N, C-alpha and C. Protein backbone atom coordinates (compact mmCIF):
# COMPACT_ATOMS: atom_id res chain seq x y z
N UNK A 1 135.54 48.30 -52.44
CA UNK A 1 135.79 49.02 -51.44
C UNK A 1 135.91 48.02 -49.87
N UNK A 2 135.25 46.58 -49.85
CA UNK A 2 135.98 45.79 -48.38
C UNK A 2 137.31 45.65 -49.00
N UNK A 3 137.62 45.69 -50.12
CA UNK A 3 139.40 45.15 -50.16
C UNK A 3 140.26 46.30 -49.36
N UNK A 4 139.73 47.35 -50.06
CA UNK A 4 140.93 48.01 -49.36
C UNK A 4 140.65 48.24 -48.19
N UNK A 5 139.59 47.96 -47.48
CA UNK A 5 139.12 47.90 -45.69
C UNK A 5 140.27 46.56 -45.11
N UNK A 6 139.69 45.57 -45.97
CA UNK A 6 140.72 44.51 -45.65
C UNK A 6 142.26 44.12 -45.83
N UNK A 7 143.17 45.35 -46.67
CA UNK A 7 144.07 45.73 -46.77
C UNK A 7 144.40 46.38 -45.78
N UNK A 8 143.89 47.30 -45.45
CA UNK A 8 144.22 48.34 -44.13
C UNK A 8 143.91 47.66 -42.83
N UNK A 9 142.89 46.90 -43.08
CA UNK A 9 143.21 45.95 -41.36
C UNK A 9 144.08 45.14 -41.36
N UNK A 10 144.12 44.59 -42.30
CA UNK A 10 145.41 43.50 -42.37
C UNK A 10 147.01 44.06 -41.74
N UNK A 11 147.21 45.28 -42.52
CA UNK A 11 148.20 46.16 -42.06
C UNK A 11 148.48 46.31 -40.84
N UNK A 12 147.32 46.49 -39.80
CA UNK A 12 147.28 46.35 -38.28
C UNK A 12 147.35 45.36 -37.38
N UNK A 13 147.58 44.14 -38.25
CA UNK A 13 147.87 42.84 -37.50
C UNK A 13 148.73 42.93 -36.48
N UNK A 14 149.81 42.74 -36.58
CA UNK A 14 150.78 42.36 -35.59
C UNK A 14 150.84 43.73 -34.54
N UNK A 15 150.34 44.67 -34.88
CA UNK A 15 150.63 45.47 -33.55
C UNK A 15 149.34 45.52 -32.56
N UNK A 16 148.24 45.13 -33.53
CA UNK A 16 146.80 44.99 -32.53
C UNK A 16 147.03 43.80 -31.92
N UNK A 17 147.81 42.44 -32.36
CA UNK A 17 147.95 41.36 -31.64
C UNK A 17 148.58 41.60 -30.50
N UNK A 18 149.88 42.30 -30.44
CA UNK A 18 150.76 42.71 -29.60
C UNK A 18 149.89 43.05 -28.44
N UNK A 19 149.13 44.53 -28.74
CA UNK A 19 148.41 44.67 -27.43
C UNK A 19 147.12 43.89 -27.43
N UNK A 20 146.61 43.24 -27.82
CA UNK A 20 146.02 42.16 -27.71
C UNK A 20 146.47 41.27 -26.23
N UNK A 21 147.75 40.41 -26.74
CA UNK A 21 148.78 39.77 -25.86
C UNK A 21 148.93 40.52 -24.69
N UNK A 22 149.20 41.63 -24.68
CA UNK A 22 149.58 42.33 -23.57
C UNK A 22 148.36 42.51 -22.29
N UNK A 23 147.22 43.14 -22.98
CA UNK A 23 146.11 43.17 -22.12
C UNK A 23 145.89 42.04 -21.32
N UNK A 24 145.42 40.77 -22.42
CA UNK A 24 145.27 39.76 -21.81
C UNK A 24 146.30 39.19 -20.65
N UNK A 25 147.53 39.24 -21.15
CA UNK A 25 148.33 38.77 -20.33
C UNK A 25 148.76 39.11 -18.87
N UNK A 26 148.47 40.70 -18.94
CA UNK A 26 148.29 41.71 -17.36
C UNK A 26 146.92 41.06 -16.84
N UNK A 27 146.13 40.96 -17.60
CA UNK A 27 144.68 40.68 -16.96
C UNK A 27 144.78 38.93 -16.18
N UNK A 28 145.59 38.27 -16.64
CA UNK A 28 146.35 36.76 -16.25
C UNK A 28 146.99 37.00 -15.19
N UNK A 29 148.19 37.71 -15.02
CA UNK A 29 149.02 37.91 -14.15
C UNK A 29 148.20 38.64 -13.39
N UNK A 30 147.55 39.25 -13.20
CA UNK A 30 146.52 39.81 -12.09
C UNK A 30 145.85 39.05 -11.45
N UNK A 31 145.24 38.09 -12.38
CA UNK A 31 144.43 37.24 -11.74
C UNK A 31 145.35 36.05 -10.45
N UNK A 32 146.53 35.55 -11.34
CA UNK A 32 147.52 34.69 -10.52
C UNK A 32 147.92 35.56 -8.97
N UNK A 33 147.91 36.93 -9.16
CA UNK A 33 148.37 37.66 -8.20
C UNK A 33 147.61 37.95 -6.93
N UNK A 34 146.23 37.84 -7.47
CA UNK A 34 145.34 37.67 -6.38
C UNK A 34 145.18 36.49 -5.55
N UNK A 35 145.77 35.57 -6.41
CA UNK A 35 145.45 34.22 -5.55
C UNK A 35 147.07 34.24 -4.80
N UNK A 36 147.83 34.28 -5.03
CA UNK A 36 149.41 34.18 -4.48
C UNK A 36 149.53 35.39 -3.50
N UNK A 37 149.44 36.45 -3.86
CA UNK A 37 149.69 37.38 -2.60
C UNK A 37 148.62 38.44 -2.42
N UNK A 38 147.32 38.16 -2.84
CA UNK A 38 146.17 38.86 -2.24
C UNK A 38 146.12 40.22 -2.92
N UNK A 39 146.82 40.43 -4.12
CA UNK A 39 147.06 41.94 -4.40
C UNK A 39 146.38 41.82 -5.83
N UNK A 40 145.87 42.86 -6.77
CA UNK A 40 145.39 44.02 -5.87
C UNK A 40 143.93 44.15 -5.02
N UNK A 41 143.49 43.06 -5.08
CA UNK A 41 142.39 42.42 -4.44
C UNK A 41 142.03 41.21 -3.35
N UNK A 42 141.44 41.18 -2.57
CA UNK A 42 141.05 39.66 -1.99
C UNK A 42 142.42 39.67 -0.96
N UNK A 43 142.30 38.36 -0.61
CA UNK A 43 143.16 37.65 0.48
C UNK A 43 143.87 36.18 -0.53
N UNK A 44 145.20 36.45 -0.07
CA UNK A 44 146.00 35.25 -0.79
C UNK A 44 145.61 33.75 -0.16
N UNK A 45 145.68 32.67 -1.12
CA UNK A 45 145.23 31.51 -0.62
C UNK A 45 146.73 30.66 0.26
N UNK A 46 146.42 29.79 0.94
CA UNK A 46 147.25 29.27 1.86
C UNK A 46 147.93 28.75 0.55
N UNK A 47 149.60 28.56 0.98
CA UNK A 47 150.40 27.87 0.03
C UNK A 47 150.39 26.19 -0.18
N UNK A 48 150.10 26.29 -1.68
CA UNK A 48 150.11 24.40 -1.58
C UNK A 48 148.83 24.16 -1.78
N UNK A 49 147.62 24.96 -1.37
CA UNK A 49 146.23 24.69 -1.83
C UNK A 49 145.89 24.46 -3.23
N UNK A 50 145.18 23.03 -3.23
CA UNK A 50 144.98 22.45 -4.64
C UNK A 50 143.40 22.71 -4.49
N UNK A 51 142.79 23.44 -6.14
CA UNK A 51 143.79 23.75 -6.91
C UNK A 51 143.73 25.36 -7.31
N UNK A 52 143.38 25.97 -6.29
CA UNK A 52 143.47 27.53 -6.07
C UNK A 52 145.00 27.96 -6.28
N UNK A 53 145.85 27.50 -5.02
CA UNK A 53 147.39 28.08 -5.39
C UNK A 53 147.90 27.94 -6.48
N UNK A 54 148.04 26.57 -6.91
CA UNK A 54 148.64 25.86 -8.17
C UNK A 54 148.18 26.97 -9.31
N UNK A 55 146.84 26.74 -9.36
CA UNK A 55 146.50 27.94 -10.26
C UNK A 55 146.88 29.20 -10.26
N UNK A 56 147.15 30.15 -9.41
CA UNK A 56 147.41 31.10 -9.09
C UNK A 56 149.11 31.43 -9.90
N UNK A 57 149.66 30.32 -9.56
CA UNK A 57 151.19 29.96 -9.70
C UNK A 57 151.24 29.82 -11.37
N UNK A 58 150.19 29.20 -11.87
CA UNK A 58 150.51 29.14 -13.46
C UNK A 58 150.02 30.51 -14.25
N UNK A 59 149.11 31.19 -13.42
CA UNK A 59 148.50 32.23 -14.01
C UNK A 59 149.43 33.37 -13.79
N UNK A 60 149.95 33.31 -12.86
CA UNK A 60 151.24 34.57 -12.55
C UNK A 60 152.22 34.51 -13.65
N UNK A 61 152.99 33.13 -13.53
CA UNK A 61 154.26 32.89 -14.23
C UNK A 61 153.93 32.89 -15.62
N UNK A 62 152.77 32.45 -16.10
CA UNK A 62 152.65 32.24 -17.62
C UNK A 62 152.04 33.79 -18.34
N UNK A 63 151.53 34.31 -17.05
CA UNK A 63 150.84 35.52 -17.51
C UNK A 63 152.01 36.90 -17.55
N UNK A 64 152.93 36.70 -16.87
CA UNK A 64 154.36 37.26 -17.26
C UNK A 64 154.67 37.10 -18.59
N UNK A 65 154.90 35.68 -18.77
CA UNK A 65 155.39 35.50 -19.91
C UNK A 65 154.70 35.67 -21.06
N UNK A 66 153.58 35.90 -21.23
CA UNK A 66 152.73 36.16 -22.19
C UNK A 66 152.57 37.74 -22.13
N UNK A 67 152.82 38.42 -21.30
CA UNK A 67 152.90 40.08 -21.17
C UNK A 67 153.65 40.47 -21.85
N UNK A 68 155.11 40.40 -21.89
CA UNK A 68 156.39 40.23 -22.63
C UNK A 68 156.62 40.02 -23.54
N UNK A 69 155.87 38.74 -23.74
CA UNK A 69 156.27 37.98 -25.10
C UNK A 69 157.19 36.94 -25.48
N UNK A 70 157.35 36.18 -24.18
CA UNK A 70 158.74 35.55 -24.12
C UNK A 70 157.98 34.07 -24.31
N UNK A 71 158.44 33.29 -25.07
CA UNK A 71 157.73 31.96 -25.14
C UNK A 71 156.63 31.95 -25.18
N UNK A 72 156.10 32.90 -25.82
CA UNK A 72 154.38 33.08 -25.88
C UNK A 72 153.37 31.98 -25.96
N UNK A 73 154.29 31.22 -26.99
CA UNK A 73 153.23 30.24 -27.80
C UNK A 73 153.10 28.90 -26.63
N UNK A 74 154.38 28.96 -25.86
CA UNK A 74 154.24 27.49 -25.08
C UNK A 74 153.56 28.24 -23.76
N UNK A 75 153.54 29.37 -23.16
CA UNK A 75 152.88 29.78 -22.06
C UNK A 75 151.52 29.93 -22.36
N UNK A 76 150.85 30.37 -23.81
CA UNK A 76 149.64 30.68 -23.93
C UNK A 76 148.81 29.44 -24.19
N UNK A 77 149.67 28.34 -24.59
CA UNK A 77 149.03 27.18 -25.00
C UNK A 77 148.73 26.15 -23.15
N UNK A 78 150.03 26.53 -22.54
CA UNK A 78 149.48 25.76 -21.04
C UNK A 78 148.32 27.03 -20.25
N UNK A 79 148.30 28.28 -20.70
CA UNK A 79 147.32 28.93 -19.98
C UNK A 79 145.54 28.60 -20.63
N UNK A 80 145.64 28.14 -21.79
CA UNK A 80 144.50 27.59 -22.32
C UNK A 80 143.92 26.42 -21.83
N UNK A 81 145.03 25.41 -21.57
CA UNK A 81 144.65 24.32 -21.04
C UNK A 81 144.17 24.63 -19.24
N UNK A 82 145.36 25.32 -18.83
CA UNK A 82 144.67 25.71 -17.19
C UNK A 82 143.38 26.36 -17.45
N UNK A 83 142.74 27.00 -18.27
CA UNK A 83 141.46 27.54 -18.31
C UNK A 83 140.71 26.88 -18.81
N UNK A 84 140.94 25.95 -19.49
CA UNK A 84 139.81 24.72 -19.76
C UNK A 84 139.55 23.70 -18.31
N UNK A 85 140.72 23.43 -18.07
CA UNK A 85 140.88 22.92 -16.83
C UNK A 85 140.02 23.64 -15.68
N UNK A 86 139.96 24.84 -15.45
CA UNK A 86 139.22 26.15 -14.52
C UNK A 86 137.76 25.63 -14.83
N UNK A 87 137.57 25.96 -16.28
CA UNK A 87 135.89 25.75 -16.66
C UNK A 87 135.16 24.41 -16.17
N UNK A 88 136.21 23.28 -16.54
CA UNK A 88 135.22 22.35 -16.11
C UNK A 88 135.35 21.69 -14.94
N UNK A 89 136.41 21.93 -14.39
CA UNK A 89 136.55 21.70 -13.09
C UNK A 89 135.96 22.30 -12.17
N UNK A 90 135.68 23.91 -12.02
CA UNK A 90 134.96 25.12 -11.35
C UNK A 90 133.42 25.23 -11.62
N UNK A 91 133.18 25.13 -13.00
CA UNK A 91 131.91 25.82 -13.48
C UNK A 91 130.76 24.69 -14.41
N UNK A 92 131.39 23.92 -14.64
CA UNK A 92 130.48 22.82 -15.74
C UNK A 92 130.16 21.88 -14.43
N UNK A 93 128.49 21.71 -14.41
CA UNK A 93 127.44 20.92 -13.70
C UNK A 93 128.12 19.56 -13.65
N UNK A 94 128.38 18.61 -14.71
CA UNK A 94 128.81 17.37 -14.29
C UNK A 94 129.97 16.78 -13.64
N UNK A 95 130.85 18.18 -13.69
CA UNK A 95 131.97 17.55 -13.35
C UNK A 95 132.73 18.71 -11.91
N UNK A 96 131.27 18.81 -11.20
CA UNK A 96 131.62 19.24 -9.78
C UNK A 96 131.21 20.83 -9.75
N UNK A 97 130.62 21.69 -10.72
CA UNK A 97 130.53 23.12 -10.66
C UNK A 97 129.07 23.15 -9.31
N UNK A 98 128.81 22.38 -8.69
CA UNK A 98 128.02 22.41 -7.71
C UNK A 98 126.19 21.92 -7.74
N UNK A 99 125.65 22.34 -7.10
CA UNK A 99 124.21 21.63 -6.96
C UNK A 99 123.26 22.69 -7.96
N UNK A 100 123.73 23.78 -7.65
CA UNK A 100 123.34 25.09 -8.40
C UNK A 100 123.14 25.40 -9.50
N UNK A 101 124.60 24.92 -9.89
CA UNK A 101 125.39 25.21 -11.54
C UNK A 101 124.32 24.97 -12.91
N UNK A 102 124.43 25.43 -13.63
CA UNK A 102 123.80 25.57 -14.85
C UNK A 102 124.70 25.04 -15.91
N UNK A 103 124.13 24.71 -17.33
CA UNK A 103 125.08 24.42 -18.30
C UNK A 103 125.45 26.14 -18.90
N UNK A 104 124.92 27.00 -18.69
CA UNK A 104 125.12 28.40 -19.20
C UNK A 104 126.09 29.05 -18.64
N UNK A 105 127.35 29.20 -19.50
CA UNK A 105 128.32 29.77 -18.74
C UNK A 105 128.31 31.66 -18.31
N UNK A 106 127.02 32.04 -18.10
CA UNK A 106 127.28 33.60 -17.89
C UNK A 106 127.18 33.55 -16.69
N UNK A 107 126.79 34.98 -16.15
CA UNK A 107 127.11 35.36 -14.49
C UNK A 107 125.80 34.97 -13.70
N UNK A 108 126.44 34.49 -12.81
CA UNK A 108 125.47 33.60 -11.89
C UNK A 108 124.27 34.42 -11.36
N UNK A 109 124.23 36.15 -11.08
CA UNK A 109 123.20 36.67 -11.34
C UNK A 109 121.89 36.44 -12.22
N UNK A 110 122.96 35.77 -13.37
CA UNK A 110 121.91 35.59 -14.42
C UNK A 110 121.35 34.54 -14.48
N UNK A 111 121.62 33.58 -13.74
CA UNK A 111 121.10 32.24 -13.67
C UNK A 111 122.53 31.34 -14.28
N UNK A 112 123.21 31.92 -14.50
CA UNK A 112 124.41 31.03 -14.95
C UNK A 112 125.23 30.69 -14.18
N UNK A 113 126.49 29.73 -14.91
CA UNK A 113 127.35 28.98 -13.42
C UNK A 113 128.56 29.93 -13.29
N UNK A 114 128.56 31.58 -14.17
CA UNK A 114 129.86 32.00 -13.96
C UNK A 114 131.34 31.47 -14.84
N UNK A 115 131.21 30.79 -15.92
CA UNK A 115 132.35 30.32 -16.22
C UNK A 115 132.63 30.98 -17.30
N UNK A 116 131.64 32.25 -17.52
CA UNK A 116 132.13 32.97 -19.34
C UNK A 116 133.79 33.50 -19.07
N UNK A 117 134.03 34.19 -18.25
CA UNK A 117 135.70 34.44 -18.13
C UNK A 117 136.55 33.05 -18.31
N UNK A 118 136.47 32.06 -17.69
CA UNK A 118 137.58 31.13 -18.17
C UNK A 118 137.29 30.52 -19.62
N UNK A 119 136.03 30.83 -20.47
CA UNK A 119 136.38 30.05 -21.67
C UNK A 119 136.72 31.59 -22.08
N UNK A 120 136.51 32.80 -22.18
CA UNK A 120 137.07 33.73 -23.16
C UNK A 120 138.44 33.59 -22.87
N UNK A 121 139.04 33.66 -21.69
CA UNK A 121 140.55 33.65 -21.55
C UNK A 121 141.05 32.11 -22.14
N UNK A 122 140.36 31.17 -22.05
CA UNK A 122 140.79 29.75 -23.16
C UNK A 122 140.71 29.96 -24.32
N UNK A 123 140.04 30.59 -24.89
CA UNK A 123 139.73 31.05 -26.23
C UNK A 123 140.82 31.75 -26.92
N UNK A 124 141.00 33.05 -25.94
CA UNK A 124 142.01 34.17 -26.14
C UNK A 124 143.42 33.49 -26.04
N UNK A 125 143.95 32.51 -25.27
CA UNK A 125 145.38 32.37 -25.26
C UNK A 125 145.61 30.99 -26.14
N UNK A 126 144.24 30.14 -26.83
CA UNK A 126 144.60 28.99 -27.79
C UNK A 126 144.99 30.32 -28.77
N UNK A 127 144.13 31.27 -28.92
CA UNK A 127 144.54 32.43 -30.39
C UNK A 127 145.98 32.60 -30.39
N UNK A 128 146.50 33.25 -28.80
CA UNK A 128 147.84 33.35 -29.12
C UNK A 128 148.74 31.98 -29.06
N UNK A 129 148.69 31.12 -29.01
CA UNK A 129 149.51 30.07 -29.05
C UNK A 129 149.40 29.40 -30.64
N UNK A 130 148.50 30.13 -31.08
CA UNK A 130 148.47 29.78 -32.90
C UNK A 130 148.81 30.70 -33.51
N UNK A 131 148.96 31.82 -32.78
CA UNK A 131 148.98 33.20 -34.00
C UNK A 131 150.62 33.93 -33.77
N UNK A 132 150.89 33.59 -32.52
CA UNK A 132 151.90 34.24 -31.89
C UNK A 132 152.12 35.15 -31.04
N UNK A 133 153.13 36.14 -31.07
CA UNK A 133 153.23 37.16 -29.78
C UNK A 133 152.85 38.59 -30.68
N UNK A 134 153.19 38.53 -31.64
CA UNK A 134 153.16 39.83 -32.46
C UNK A 134 154.52 40.47 -32.35
N UNK A 135 154.47 41.61 -33.22
CA UNK A 135 155.61 42.43 -33.57
C UNK A 135 156.65 43.00 -32.09
N UNK A 136 155.77 43.22 -31.26
CA UNK A 136 156.25 43.99 -30.18
C UNK A 136 156.34 42.82 -29.13
N UNK A 137 157.38 41.99 -29.04
CA UNK A 137 157.51 40.77 -28.07
C UNK A 137 159.07 40.61 -28.21
N UNK A 138 159.47 40.08 -26.84
CA UNK A 138 160.80 39.66 -26.85
C UNK A 138 160.97 38.47 -27.99
N UNK A 139 159.80 37.50 -28.07
CA UNK A 139 159.76 36.58 -29.03
C UNK A 139 160.19 37.29 -30.60
N UNK A 140 159.66 38.26 -30.73
CA UNK A 140 159.83 38.86 -32.16
C UNK A 140 161.49 39.66 -32.45
N UNK A 141 161.83 39.81 -31.33
CA UNK A 141 163.42 40.33 -31.21
C UNK A 141 164.33 39.03 -31.08
N UNK A 142 163.87 38.31 -30.55
CA UNK A 142 165.13 37.11 -30.55
C UNK A 142 164.76 36.59 -31.97
N UNK A 143 163.47 36.17 -32.53
CA UNK A 143 163.71 35.84 -34.06
C UNK A 143 164.22 36.66 -34.87
N UNK A 144 164.12 37.92 -34.78
CA UNK A 144 164.85 38.84 -35.59
C UNK A 144 166.28 38.75 -35.43
N UNK A 145 166.82 38.51 -34.37
CA UNK A 145 168.14 38.42 -33.99
C UNK A 145 168.74 37.03 -34.65
N UNK A 146 167.98 36.18 -34.76
CA UNK A 146 168.61 34.97 -34.93
C UNK A 146 168.13 34.95 -36.69
N UNK A 147 167.45 35.36 -37.62
CA UNK A 147 167.24 35.74 -38.94
C UNK A 147 168.49 36.85 -38.97
N UNK A 148 169.07 37.69 -38.43
CA UNK A 148 170.09 38.31 -39.00
C UNK A 148 171.16 37.56 -38.97
N UNK A 149 171.85 36.75 -37.92
CA UNK A 149 172.95 35.59 -38.42
C UNK A 149 172.82 34.24 -39.28
N UNK A 150 171.61 34.45 -39.39
CA UNK A 150 171.20 32.97 -40.50
C UNK A 150 170.99 31.89 -39.75
N UNK A 151 170.43 32.30 -38.60
CA UNK A 151 169.63 30.58 -37.53
C UNK A 151 170.50 30.63 -36.88
N UNK A 152 171.93 31.02 -36.44
CA UNK A 152 173.05 30.75 -35.79
C UNK A 152 173.56 31.58 -34.73
N UNK A 153 173.18 30.88 -33.79
CA UNK A 153 173.62 31.99 -32.43
C UNK A 153 175.23 32.19 -32.41
N UNK A 154 175.27 33.76 -31.89
CA UNK A 154 176.49 34.16 -32.08
C UNK A 154 177.44 33.50 -31.10
N UNK A 155 178.77 33.43 -32.01
CA UNK A 155 179.77 32.76 -30.92
C UNK A 155 179.71 31.27 -31.24
N UNK A 156 178.99 30.68 -32.06
CA UNK A 156 179.35 29.19 -32.60
C UNK A 156 179.41 28.82 -34.16
N UNK A 157 180.01 28.23 -34.58
CA UNK A 157 180.50 28.00 -35.94
C UNK A 157 178.92 27.52 -36.45
N UNK A 158 178.71 27.94 -37.87
CA UNK A 158 178.04 27.61 -38.80
C UNK A 158 178.04 26.07 -39.20
N UNK A 159 176.86 25.67 -39.09
CA UNK A 159 177.04 23.82 -39.47
C UNK A 159 177.47 23.71 -40.85
N UNK A 160 178.10 22.60 -41.93
CA UNK A 160 178.57 22.67 -42.96
C UNK A 160 177.83 22.12 -43.51
N UNK A 161 178.11 23.44 -45.14
CA UNK A 161 176.93 22.84 -46.16
C UNK A 161 176.83 21.93 -46.39
N UNK A 162 175.62 21.26 -47.16
CA UNK A 162 175.11 19.93 -47.47
C UNK A 162 175.17 20.16 -48.84
N UNK A 163 175.61 19.25 -49.41
CA UNK A 163 175.21 19.02 -51.33
C UNK A 163 173.90 18.62 -51.30
N UNK A 164 173.20 19.12 -52.36
CA UNK A 164 171.67 18.69 -52.51
C UNK A 164 171.52 17.26 -52.81
N UNK A 165 170.78 16.13 -52.34
CA UNK A 165 170.64 15.06 -52.71
C UNK A 165 170.16 15.02 -53.87
N UNK A 166 170.21 13.70 -54.25
CA UNK A 166 169.62 13.16 -55.21
C UNK A 166 168.16 13.40 -55.98
N UNK A 167 167.30 13.54 -55.24
CA UNK A 167 165.71 13.57 -55.17
C UNK A 167 165.61 15.37 -55.04
N UNK A 168 166.62 16.07 -55.06
CA UNK A 168 166.42 17.49 -54.92
C UNK A 168 165.94 18.10 -56.40
N UNK A 169 166.15 17.25 -57.15
CA UNK A 169 165.71 17.59 -58.97
C UNK A 169 164.32 17.43 -59.29
N UNK A 170 163.49 16.46 -58.09
CA UNK A 170 162.28 16.24 -58.48
C UNK A 170 161.21 17.16 -57.49
N UNK A 171 161.70 18.26 -56.90
CA UNK A 171 160.73 19.20 -55.83
C UNK A 171 161.23 18.74 -54.74
N UNK A 172 161.92 17.54 -54.39
CA UNK A 172 161.80 17.54 -52.67
C UNK A 172 163.45 17.90 -52.42
N UNK A 173 163.22 18.69 -52.08
CA UNK A 173 164.44 19.53 -51.49
C UNK A 173 165.16 18.50 -50.49
N UNK A 174 166.41 19.20 -50.15
CA UNK A 174 166.99 18.36 -48.72
C UNK A 174 166.64 18.97 -47.62
N UNK A 175 166.47 18.22 -46.39
CA UNK A 175 165.82 18.62 -45.28
C UNK A 175 167.19 19.31 -44.44
N UNK A 176 166.09 20.48 -43.71
CA UNK A 176 166.85 21.12 -42.75
C UNK A 176 166.72 21.35 -41.43
N UNK A 177 167.87 21.09 -40.86
CA UNK A 177 167.37 20.43 -39.44
C UNK A 177 167.59 21.49 -38.48
């Protein structure tokens, strides 16, 4: 019974990964737009202030890239690092979380340091950096176009075919660049 459930759920992996990426990318973009433009809530930060305005810039640009699925792995890796920095710089007590900050990353109303969201974003983006964008992304369309042309960009000549090397008979095929 669990084998059938595993197989059925596995068939939904790529579309659900795409939905996950789109939702987290939109939320991240909105965090950046609040810092940069004061939209949809709050007031914008003065241009160039450290670290808030720069974090907003990273969140806005990386969030847009993640949402549409363009250069997703790179953008998600940068976003994950930015969220790790945000947690340690703003929330963790030994590194400047303030005198009242505690170790626990939950809501301040519950006695925590408020870093729960930063941790969740960090690991969600780490997942996207290692898993990719999913089927519904610009990356997937680009990958499909590259596969259809044999990895050659349209309009350019294919590299010359190479003969197999001496060690190809022993299971060590030629390198592909």
